[in-house]
């Protein structure tokens, strides 16, 4: 497994999220790889100065072309870390730094995850997360470090100009009502609904 830190479009290193590329063994019969290995994941996080979490829930979503899910996060004490991978199709996966004390506060990183590249994105606590479906269909699996909690869940508007996320859109995205009505970054900050 190879883990690399991502940089924002501004070229800033954003501490926390890691793009994880597994070692894939393939031949004309197909392929094999370890999609999850606690020991290897813990070593990758520790090498980045992070503590390996315990995962409590696995989620699976299926989305049609143009569906944008996010940007979602949960506030403490139910803040979630997520390990995200796309097993069918392709998505553009995004993490936004919502930690006020971070040097990269308000910056984002993104990666294309697909069933072909087998890559995963580690999105630690303190980040909003979302993805855009780039293929006809996409299936995304992700592990979480906390259970879903309605009271602590928050959404951040996907097209907030303050964030300037460069979504690879070919048309207006298909959104859930809560995502279409999500508040802007500045509104969440003013309400004290971001991370310390």
C-alpha atoms as a PDB file:
ATOM      1  CA  UNK A   1       0.000   0.000   0.000  1.00  0.00           C
ATOM      2  CA  UNK A   2       1.194   3.465  -0.902  1.00  0.00           C
ATOM      3  CA  UNK A   3      -0.230   6.508   0.921  1.00  0.00           C
ATOM      4  CA  UNK A   4       0.369  10.068  -0.240  1.00  0.00           C
ATOM      5  CA  UNK A   5      -0.667  13.429   1.103  1.00  0.00           C
ATOM      6  CA  UNK A   6      -2.693  15.541  -1.315  1.00  0.00           C
ATOM      7  CA  UNK A   7      -2.197  19.210  -2.155  1.00  0.00           C
ATOM      8  CA  UNK A   8      -4.906  21.820  -2.630  1.00  0.00           C
ATOM      9  CA  UNK A   9      -5.232  23.494  -6.050  1.00  0.00           C
ATOM     10  CA  UNK A  10      -3.353  26.438  -4.494  1.00  0.00           C
ATOM     11  CA  UNK A  11      -0.401  24.076  -4.008  1.00  0.00           C
ATOM     12  CA  UNK A  12      -0.785  23.993  -0.233  1.00  0.00           C
ATOM     13  CA  UNK A  13      -0.206  20.733   1.563  1.00  0.00           C
ATOM     14  CA  UNK A  14      -3.388  19.737   3.399  1.00  0.00           C
ATOM     15  CA  UNK A  15      -2.568  17.639   6.458  1.00  0.00           C
ATOM     16  CA  UNK A  16      -4.901  14.722   7.142  1.00  0.00           C
ATOM     17  CA  UNK A  17      -6.406  13.339   3.931  1.00  0.00           C
ATOM     18  CA  UNK A  18      -4.374  10.591   2.281  1.00  0.00           C
ATOM     19  CA  UNK A  19      -4.749   8.994  -1.146  1.00  0.00           C
ATOM     20  CA  UNK A  20      -4.183   5.286  -0.663  1.00  0.00           C
ATOM     21  CA  UNK A  21      -3.135   3.088  -3.564  1.00  0.00           C
ATOM     22  CA  UNK A  22      -3.134  -0.661  -2.904  1.00  0.00           C
ATOM     23  CA  UNK A  23      -0.783  -3.153  -4.476  1.00  0.00           C
ATOM     24  CA  UNK A  24      -2.865  -4.958  -7.110  1.00  0.00           C
ATOM     25  CA  UNK A  25      -1.953  -8.414  -8.389  1.00  0.00           C
ATOM     26  CA  UNK A  26      -3.485  -8.993 -11.799  1.00  0.00           C
ATOM     27  CA  UNK A  27      -3.245 -11.284 -14.790  1.00  0.00           C
ATOM     28  CA  UNK A  28      -5.517 -12.451 -17.620  1.00  0.00           C
ATOM     29  CA  UNK A  29      -7.845 -14.087 -15.063  1.00  0.00           C
ATOM     30  CA  UNK A  30      -8.555 -10.841 -13.187  1.00  0.00           C
ATOM     31  CA  UNK A  31      -7.021  -9.224 -10.122  1.00  0.00           C
ATOM     32  CA  UNK A  32      -6.588  -9.497  -6.362  1.00  0.00           C
ATOM     33  CA  UNK A  33      -5.745  -6.870  -3.766  1.00  0.00           C
ATOM     34  CA  UNK A  34      -6.242  -6.241  -0.067  1.00  0.00           C
ATOM     35  CA  UNK A  35      -8.937  -3.578   0.085  1.00  0.00           C
ATOM     36  CA  UNK A  36      -8.537  -3.288   3.854  1.00  0.00           C
ATOM     37  CA  UNK A  37      -5.613  -4.210   6.084  1.00  0.00           C
ATOM     38  CA  UNK A  38      -5.674  -2.712   9.594  1.00  0.00           C
ATOM     39  CA  UNK A  39      -1.925  -3.091  10.110  1.00  0.00           C
ATOM     40  CA  UNK A  40      -0.970  -1.448   6.786  1.00  0.00           C
ATOM     41  CA  UNK A  41      -3.529   1.360   7.236  1.00  0.00           C
ATOM     42  CA  UNK A  42      -2.296   2.068  10.784  1.00  0.00           C
ATOM     43  CA  UNK A  43       1.317   2.186   9.550  1.00  0.00           C
ATOM     44  CA  UNK A  44       0.378   4.638   6.757  1.00  0.00           C
ATOM     45  CA  UNK A  45      -1.420   6.954   9.179  1.00  0.00           C
ATOM     46  CA  UNK A  46       1.334   6.746  11.790  1.00  0.00           C
ATOM     47  CA  UNK A  47       3.921   7.645   9.114  1.00  0.00           C
ATOM     48  CA  UNK A  48       1.811  10.776   8.483  1.00  0.00           C
ATOM     49  CA  UNK A  49       1.643  11.616  12.216  1.00  0.00           C
ATOM     50  CA  UNK A  50      -1.937  10.405  12.637  1.00  0.00           C
ATOM     51  CA  UNK A  51      -3.440   7.837  14.974  1.00  0.00           C
ATOM     52  CA  UNK A  52      -5.238   4.921  13.355  1.00  0.00           C
ATOM     53  CA  UNK A  53      -8.969   4.949  14.129  1.00  0.00           C
ATOM     54  CA  UNK A  54     -11.381   2.142  14.812  1.00  0.00           C
ATOM     55  CA  UNK A  55     -14.107   1.797  12.188  1.00  0.00           C
ATOM     56  CA  UNK A  56     -17.669   1.103  13.364  1.00  0.00           C
ATOM     57  CA  UNK A  57     -19.786   1.145  10.212  1.00  0.00           C
ATOM     58  CA  UNK A  58     -19.543   0.335   6.482  1.00  0.00           C
ATOM     59  CA  UNK A  59     -21.734   2.241   3.994  1.00  0.00           C
ATOM     60  CA  UNK A  60     -22.521   1.506   0.344  1.00  0.00           C
ATOM     61  CA  UNK A  61     -24.097   3.993  -2.064  1.00  0.00           C
ATOM     62  CA  UNK A  62     -25.074   3.744  -5.711  1.00  0.00           C
ATOM     63  CA  UNK A  63     -25.415   6.896  -7.800  1.00  0.00           C
ATOM     64  CA  UNK A  64     -26.323   7.775 -11.383  1.00  0.00           C
ATOM     65  CA  UNK A  65     -24.283  10.034 -13.655  1.00  0.00           C
ATOM     66  CA  UNK A  66     -24.168  13.624 -12.462  1.00  0.00           C
ATOM     67  CA  UNK A  67     -25.250  12.911  -8.882  1.00  0.00           C
ATOM     68  CA  UNK A  68     -23.350  15.042  -6.386  1.00  0.00           C
ATOM     69  CA  UNK A  69     -23.499  13.916  -2.758  1.00  0.00           C
ATOM     70  CA  UNK A  70     -22.210  16.293  -0.120  1.00  0.00           C
ATOM     71  CA  UNK A  71     -20.548  18.119   1.326  1.00  0.00           C
ATOM     72  CA  UNK A  72     -21.291  16.327   4.620  1.00  0.00           C
ATOM     73  CA  UNK A  73     -19.705  16.129   8.069  1.00  0.00           C
ATOM     74  CA  UNK A  74     -20.637  15.489  11.695  1.00  0.00           C
ATOM     75  CA  UNK A  75     -19.722  17.752  14.593  1.00  0.00           C
ATOM     76  CA  UNK A  76     -17.979  16.483  17.767  1.00  0.00           C
ATOM     77  CA  UNK A  77     -18.437  14.363  19.721  1.00  0.00           C
ATOM     78  CA  UNK A  78     -19.809  12.362  16.761  1.00  0.00           C
ATOM     79  CA  UNK A  79     -17.269  13.602  14.175  1.00  0.00           C
ATOM     80  CA  UNK A  80     -16.536  10.936  11.567  1.00  0.00           C
ATOM     81  CA  UNK A  81     -13.449   9.888   9.720  1.00  0.00           C
ATOM     82  CA  UNK A  82     -14.196   8.111   6.420  1.00  0.00           C
ATOM     83  CA  UNK A  83     -12.191   5.723   4.261  1.00  0.00           C
ATOM     84  CA  UNK A  84     -13.793   6.006   0.812  1.00  0.00           C
ATOM     85  CA  UNK A  85     -13.440   3.875  -2.322  1.00  0.00           C
ATOM     86  CA  UNK A  86     -15.338   3.486  -5.578  1.00  0.00           C
ATOM     87  CA  UNK A  87     -15.812  -0.125  -6.660  1.00  0.00           C
ATOM     88  CA  UNK A  88     -17.958   0.425  -9.780  1.00  0.00           C
ATOM     89  CA  UNK A  89     -17.584   3.387 -12.138  1.00  0.00           C
ATOM     90  CA  UNK A  90     -15.779   6.608 -11.248  1.00  0.00           C
ATOM     91  CA  UNK A  91     -16.283   9.550  -8.892  1.00  0.00           C
ATOM     92  CA  UNK A  92     -14.509  12.793  -8.111  1.00  0.00           C
ATOM     93  CA  UNK A  93     -14.096  12.672  -4.337  1.00  0.00           C
ATOM     94  CA  UNK A  94     -13.517  15.852  -2.299  1.00  0.00           C
ATOM     95  CA  UNK A  95     -12.479  16.699   1.265  1.00  0.00           C
ATOM     96  CA  UNK A  96     -12.731  20.272   2.625  1.00  0.00           C
ATOM     97  CA  UNK A  97     -10.694  21.320   5.661  1.00  0.00           C
ATOM     98  CA  UNK A  98     -13.187  22.666   8.244  1.00  0.00           C
ATOM     99  CA  UNK A  99     -10.678  22.930  11.130  1.00  0.00           C
ATOM    100  CA  UNK A 100     -10.387  26.602  12.146  1.00  0.00           C
ATOM    101  CA  UNK A 101      -6.961  25.970  13.720  1.00  0.00           C
ATOM    102  CA  UNK A 102      -5.552  24.406  10.533  1.00  0.00           C
ATOM    103  CA  UNK A 103      -3.166  26.298   8.234  1.00  0.00           C
ATOM    104  CA  UNK A 104      -5.227  24.893   5.319  1.00  0.00           C
ATOM    105  CA  UNK A 105      -8.620  25.923   6.784  1.00  0.00           C
ATOM    106  CA  UNK A 106     -11.168  26.295   3.974  1.00  0.00           C
ATOM    107  CA  UNK A 107      -9.007  24.546   1.387  1.00  0.00           C
ATOM    108  CA  UNK A 108      -9.967  21.369  -0.432  1.00  0.00           C
ATOM    109  CA  UNK A 109      -8.357  18.348  -2.016  1.00  0.00           C
ATOM    110  CA  UNK A 110      -9.864  16.022  -4.588  1.00  0.00           C
ATOM    111  CA  UNK A 111      -9.103  12.717  -6.276  1.00  0.00           C
ATOM    112  CA  UNK A 112     -10.682  10.540  -8.924  1.00  0.00           C
ATOM    113  CA  UNK A 113     -11.578   7.202  -7.377  1.00  0.00           C
ATOM    114  CA  UNK A 114     -12.684   4.356  -9.604  1.00  0.00           C
ATOM    115  CA  UNK A 115     -13.248   0.645  -9.879  1.00  0.00           C
ATOM    116  CA  UNK A 116     -10.252   0.623 -12.245  1.00  0.00           C
ATOM    117  CA  UNK A 117      -7.662   2.471 -10.109  1.00  0.00           C
ATOM    118  CA  UNK A 118      -8.723   0.884  -6.762  1.00  0.00           C
ATOM    119  CA  UNK A 119      -7.580   3.998  -4.879  1.00  0.00           C
ATOM    120  CA  UNK A 120      -9.096   5.095  -1.581  1.00  0.00           C
ATOM    121  CA  UNK A 121      -9.317   8.486   0.081  1.00  0.00           C
ATOM    122  CA  UNK A 122      -8.881   8.785   3.832  1.00  0.00           C
ATOM    123  CA  UNK A 123     -10.983  11.738   5.046  1.00  0.00           C
ATOM    124  CA  UNK A 124     -10.228  12.353   8.738  1.00  0.00           C
ATOM    125  CA  UNK A 125     -12.442  14.079  11.295  1.00  0.00           C
ATOM    126  CA  UNK A 126     -12.587  17.819  10.733  1.00  0.00           C
ATOM    127  CA  UNK A 127     -13.288  17.591   6.997  1.00  0.00           C
ATOM    128  CA  UNK A 128     -16.475  17.879   4.968  1.00  0.00           C
ATOM    129  CA  UNK A 129     -16.776  15.157   2.337  1.00  0.00           C
ATOM    130  CA  UNK A 130     -18.599  14.772  -0.952  1.00  0.00           C
ATOM    131  CA  UNK A 131     -18.359  13.242  -4.401  1.00  0.00           C
ATOM    132  CA  UNK A 132     -19.598  13.696  -7.965  1.00  0.00           C
ATOM    133  CA  UNK A 133     -20.473  10.665 -10.114  1.00  0.00           C
ATOM    134  CA  UNK A 134     -18.532  10.800 -13.384  1.00  0.00           C
ATOM    135  CA  UNK A 135     -19.652   7.489 -14.923  1.00  0.00           C
ATOM    136  CA  UNK A 136     -23.138   6.210 -15.883  1.00  0.00           C
ATOM    137  CA  UNK A 137     -23.336   4.518 -12.481  1.00  0.00           C
ATOM    138  CA  UNK A 138     -20.984   4.470  -9.512  1.00  0.00           C
ATOM    139  CA  UNK A 139     -20.923   2.429  -6.343  1.00  0.00           C
ATOM    140  CA  UNK A 140     -19.021   3.890  -3.407  1.00  0.00           C
ATOM    141  CA  UNK A 141     -18.095   2.034  -0.228  1.00  0.00           C
ATOM    142  CA  UNK A 142     -16.851   3.810   2.843  1.00  0.00           C
ATOM    143  CA  UNK A 143     -15.942   2.942   6.388  1.00  0.00           C
ATOM    144  CA  UNK A 144     -16.756   5.416   9.181  1.00  0.00           C
ATOM    145  CA  UNK A 145     -15.234   5.926  12.607  1.00  0.00           C
ATOM    146  CA  UNK A 146     -18.545   6.953  14.233  1.00  0.00           C
ATOM    147  CA  UNK A 147     -22.153   5.965  13.677  1.00  0.00           C
ATOM    148  CA  UNK A 148     -24.410   8.318  11.728  1.00  0.00           C
ATOM    149  CA  UNK A 149     -26.012  10.858  14.063  1.00  0.00           C
ATOM    150  CA  UNK A 150     -28.781  13.123  12.770  1.00  0.00           C
ATOM    151  CA  UNK A 151     -28.304  15.755  15.512  1.00  0.00           C
ATOM    152  CA  UNK A 152     -24.620  16.310  14.703  1.00  0.00           C
ATOM    153  CA  UNK A 153     -24.830  16.017  10.903  1.00  0.00           C
ATOM    154  CA  UNK A 154     -24.157  19.166   8.898  1.00  0.00           C
ATOM    155  CA  UNK A 155     -23.978  19.991   5.188  1.00  0.00           C
ATOM    156  CA  UNK A 156     -21.831  22.564   3.434  1.00  0.00           C
ATOM    157  CA  UNK A 157     -22.936  23.981   0.073  1.00  0.00           C
ATOM    158  CA  UNK A 158     -21.142  22.180  -2.752  1.00  0.00           C
ATOM    159  CA  UNK A 159     -20.716  25.298  -4.931  1.00  0.00           C
ATOM    160  CA  UNK A 160     -19.747  27.849  -2.278  1.00  0.00           C
ATOM    161  CA  UNK A 161     -17.542  30.400  -4.114  1.00  0.00           C
ATOM    162  CA  UNK A 162     -15.393  30.788  -0.987  1.00  0.00           C
ATOM    163  CA  UNK A 163     -14.258  27.180  -1.461  1.00  0.00           C
ATOM    164  CA  UNK A 164     -14.041  27.353  -5.283  1.00  0.00           C
ATOM    165  CA  UNK A 165     -14.101  23.571  -5.700  1.00  0.00           C
ATOM    166  CA  UNK A 166     -13.277  22.692  -9.293  1.00  0.00           C
ATOM    167  CA  UNK A 167     -15.925  19.998  -9.801  1.00  0.00           C
ATOM    168  CA  UNK A 168     -15.542  18.337 -13.255  1.00  0.00           C
ATOM    169  CA  UNK A 169     -19.150  19.082 -14.201  1.00  0.00           C
ATOM    170  CA  UNK A 170     -20.603  18.565 -17.673  1.00  0.00           C
ATOM    171  CA  UNK A 171     -24.079  19.782 -16.581  1.00  0.00           C
ATOM    172  CA  UNK A 172     -25.885  20.925 -13.431  1.00  0.00           C
ATOM    173  CA  UNK A 173     -25.468  18.204 -10.781  1.00  0.00           C
ATOM    174  CA  UNK A 174     -28.335  16.145  -9.389  1.00  0.00           C
ATOM    175  CA  UNK A 175     -28.679  16.994  -5.687  1.00  0.00           C
ATOM    176  CA  UNK A 176     -30.618  15.885  -2.638  1.00  0.00           C
ATOM    177  CA  UNK A 177     -32.817  18.638  -1.182  1.00  0.00           C
ATOM    178  CA  UNK A 178     -30.613  19.012   1.889  1.00  0.00           C
ATOM    179  CA  UNK A 179     -27.516  19.434  -0.291  1.00  0.00           C
ATOM    180  CA  UNK A 180     -29.173  22.011  -2.549  1.00  0.00           C
ATOM    181  CA  UNK A 181     -30.215  24.019   0.546  1.00  0.00           C
ATOM    182  CA  UNK A 182     -26.949  23.596   2.489  1.00  0.00           C
ATOM    183  CA  UNK A 183     -25.453  26.756   4.035  1.00  0.00           C
ATOM    184  CA  UNK A 184     -22.287  28.467   2.866  1.00  0.00           C
ATOM    185  CA  UNK A 185     -18.929  28.049   4.600  1.00  0.00           C
ATOM    186  CA  UNK A 186     -19.074  31.563   6.120  1.00  0.00           C
ATOM    187  CA  UNK A 187     -22.574  30.920   7.530  1.00  0.00           C
ATOM    188  CA  UNK A 188     -21.408  27.705   9.224  1.00  0.00           C
ATOM    189  CA  UNK A 189     -18.383  29.530  10.624  1.00  0.00           C
ATOM    190  CA  UNK A 190     -20.557  32.378  11.972  1.00  0.00           C
ATOM    191  CA  UNK A 191     -22.880  29.832  13.611  1.00  0.00           C
ATOM    192  CA  UNK A 192     -19.936  28.054  15.273  1.00  0.00           C
ATOM    193  CA  UNK A 193     -20.686  24.880  13.348  1.00  0.00           C
ATOM    194  CA  UNK A 194     -17.179  24.072  12.151  1.00  0.00           C
ATOM    195  CA  UNK A 195     -14.309  22.408  13.971  1.00  0.00           C
ATOM    196  CA  UNK A 196     -11.926  24.094  16.429  1.00  0.00           C
END
